Amino acid sequence: MKHRVCCVGRPGGWAREAGQEYSKRIGRFGELQCIHLREGPNVEKQMMDQGEGWWKICLDPQGKSQRTADWKKEWEQWERQGRTKLIWMIGGADGHSEEFRSRCDLVRSLGPQTLSHELAWVVLLEQIYRVESWRAGHPYHRE
């Protein structure tokens, strides 16, 4: 699978270090590109432009929350359907607009709590690594 993570804001310090580590790990199992956009009036359009030709997944507290095993099953189904390019979109301080959410293919949540964009980015990268390593037969994930 190819993953593109588009996030409003640049991570600093600990988040940048964690993101770099997970990015390196993900590279063993698939492709990852991280794009950080500056907050502004056109940021949602910029995100949509980055997602042209990709399966668009909006991360939002209003989205559907799933177990890791469900993500794995879903990704395998998408792969069988030819959806191998996933773009994950993390909003800024005000989240995503209703119009933006409606233009995405899916709206998912990392859980019911509100997370900073930095923390959401790191959690998402860890989950991408977890699922991709599990799919490859690596023992990182345990059920």
Protein backbone atom coordinates (compact mmCIF):
# COMPACT_ATOMS: atom_id res chain seq x y z
CA MET A 1 0.00 0.00 0.00
CA LYS A 2 1.00 3.59 -0.54
CA HIS A 3 0.18 5.98 2.28
CA ARG A 4 0.19 9.75 2.13
CA VAL A 5 -0.43 11.61 5.39
CA CYS A 6 -1.48 15.22 4.94
CA CYS A 7 -1.49 17.18 8.19
CA VAL A 8 -2.12 20.81 9.05
CA GLY A 9 0.86 22.11 10.99
CA ARG A 10 4.44 20.96 11.40
CA PRO A 11 5.30 18.66 14.27
CA GLY A 12 8.04 19.78 16.61
CA GLY A 13 10.39 18.14 19.08
CA TRP A 14 9.19 14.81 20.39
CA ALA A 15 6.47 14.44 17.71
CA ARG A 16 8.92 15.03 14.88
CA GLU A 17 11.30 12.43 16.33
CA ALA A 18 8.53 9.87 16.81
CA GLY A 19 7.18 10.55 13.32
CA GLN A 20 10.61 10.08 11.78
CA GLU A 21 11.04 6.78 13.58
CA TYR A 22 7.66 5.42 12.45
CA SER A 23 8.22 6.73 8.92
CA LYS A 24 11.48 4.79 8.76
CA ARG A 25 9.77 1.64 10.05
CA ILE A 26 6.85 1.95 7.61
CA GLY A 27 9.33 2.19 4.74
CA ARG A 28 10.17 -1.50 5.23
CA PHE A 29 6.60 -2.51 4.37
CA GLY A 30 5.29 0.10 1.96
CA GLU A 31 5.53 3.68 0.80
CA LEU A 32 4.86 6.69 3.00
CA GLN A 33 4.84 10.37 2.22
CA CYS A 34 4.12 12.99 4.89
CA ILE A 35 2.93 16.44 3.82
CA HIS A 36 2.59 19.27 6.33
CA LEU A 37 0.50 22.26 5.33
CA ARG A 38 0.34 25.69 6.89
CA GLU A 39 -2.99 26.61 8.52
CA GLY A 40 -4.91 29.07 6.38
CA PRO A 41 -8.11 29.77 4.47
CA ASN A 42 -7.19 27.44 1.56
CA VAL A 43 -5.84 24.51 3.56
CA GLU A 44 -8.79 22.20 2.81
CA LYS A 45 -8.45 22.87 -0.92
CA GLN A 46 -4.72 22.14 -0.66
CA MET A 47 -5.53 18.85 1.08
CA MET A 48 -8.00 17.88 -1.63
CA ASP A 49 -5.41 18.74 -4.28
CA GLN A 50 -2.90 16.45 -2.54
CA GLY A 51 -5.53 13.69 -2.57
CA GLU A 52 -6.26 13.79 -6.30
CA GLY A 53 -6.32 10.16 -7.46
CA TRP A 54 -5.99 8.79 -3.92
CA TRP A 55 -8.58 7.14 -1.62
CA LYS A 56 -9.36 10.05 0.71
CA ILE A 57 -9.68 9.30 4.43
CA CYS A 58 -10.57 12.22 6.67
CA LEU A 59 -9.52 11.80 10.30
CA ASP A 60 -12.07 13.49 12.50
CA PRO A 61 -13.58 12.88 15.97
CA GLN A 62 -16.97 12.51 14.22
CA GLY A 63 -15.66 9.59 12.15
CA LYS A 64 -16.04 5.88 12.68
CA SER A 65 -13.63 4.44 15.23
CA GLN A 66 -12.26 0.95 14.58
CA ARG A 67 -10.08 -1.67 16.19
CA THR A 68 -6.69 -2.32 14.59
CA ALA A 69 -7.90 -5.73 13.37
CA ASP A 70 -10.75 -3.99 11.54
CA TRP A 71 -8.29 -1.61 9.86
CA LYS A 72 -6.28 -4.61 8.66
CA LYS A 73 -9.37 -6.34 7.21
CA GLU A 74 -10.53 -3.11 5.59
CA TRP A 75 -7.12 -2.42 4.00
CA GLU A 76 -6.98 -5.97 2.62
CA GLN A 77 -10.43 -5.48 1.11
CA TRP A 78 -9.38 -2.15 -0.42
CA GLU A 79 -6.27 -3.76 -1.86
CA ARG A 80 -8.39 -6.47 -3.53
CA GLN A 81 -10.54 -3.67 -4.97
CA GLY A 82 -7.46 -1.90 -6.37
CA ARG A 83 -7.44 0.91 -3.80
CA THR A 84 -3.76 0.89 -2.98
CA LYS A 85 -3.15 4.64 -2.59
CA LEU A 86 -4.52 5.99 0.70
CA ILE A 87 -4.32 9.61 1.80
CA TRP A 88 -5.02 10.31 5.47
CA MET A 89 -6.01 13.91 6.22
CA ILE A 90 -5.54 15.47 9.66
CA GLY A 91 -7.05 18.91 10.22
CA GLY A 92 -5.82 21.87 12.19
CA ALA A 93 -7.09 23.43 15.41
CA ASP A 94 -10.65 23.79 14.08
CA GLY A 95 -10.79 20.33 12.50
CA HIS A 96 -12.48 19.78 9.14
CA SER A 97 -15.57 21.47 7.74
CA GLU A 98 -18.71 19.45 7.01
CA GLU A 99 -18.22 20.13 3.30
CA PHE A 100 -14.68 18.74 3.45
CA ARG A 101 -15.79 15.61 5.31
CA SER A 102 -18.52 15.01 2.72
CA ARG A 103 -15.99 15.20 -0.14
CA CYS A 104 -13.80 12.48 1.37
CA ASP A 105 -14.30 8.78 0.63
CA LEU A 106 -14.31 7.89 4.34
CA VAL A 107 -14.33 9.64 7.69
CA ARG A 108 -12.48 7.77 10.42
CA SER A 109 -11.59 8.55 14.01
CA LEU A 110 -8.57 7.63 16.10
CA GLY A 111 -10.91 7.57 19.11
CA PRO A 112 -13.55 9.67 20.82
CA GLN A 113 -11.11 12.15 22.35
CA THR A 114 -9.83 15.28 20.62
CA LEU A 115 -6.12 15.08 19.81
CA SER A 116 -3.64 17.76 18.82
CA HIS A 117 -2.56 17.48 15.18
CA GLU A 118 0.92 16.42 16.35
CA LEU A 119 -0.37 13.61 18.52
CA ALA A 120 -2.89 12.49 15.89
CA TRP A 121 -0.06 12.36 13.33
CA VAL A 122 2.12 10.16 15.57
CA VAL A 123 -0.79 7.86 16.53
CA LEU A 124 -1.77 7.48 12.87
CA LEU A 125 1.81 6.65 11.83
CA GLU A 126 2.04 4.06 14.61
CA GLN A 127 -1.21 2.47 13.41
CA ILE A 128 -0.05 2.44 9.78
CA TYR A 129 3.15 0.73 10.92
CA ARG A 130 1.22 -1.70 13.11
CA VAL A 131 -1.18 -2.76 10.35
CA GLU A 132 1.42 -2.91 7.58
CA SER A 133 3.86 -4.92 9.70
CA TRP A 134 1.03 -7.28 10.73
CA ARG A 135 0.04 -7.75 7.09
CA ALA A 136 3.68 -8.60 6.32
CA GLY A 137 3.83 -11.23 9.08
CA HIS A 138 6.08 -9.20 11.38
CA PRO A 139 5.50 -9.92 15.12
CA TYR A 140 5.02 -6.25 16.21
CA HIS A 141 1.24 -6.60 16.63
CA ARG A 142 -0.13 -9.10 19.13
CA GLU A 143 -3.76 -10.13 19.47
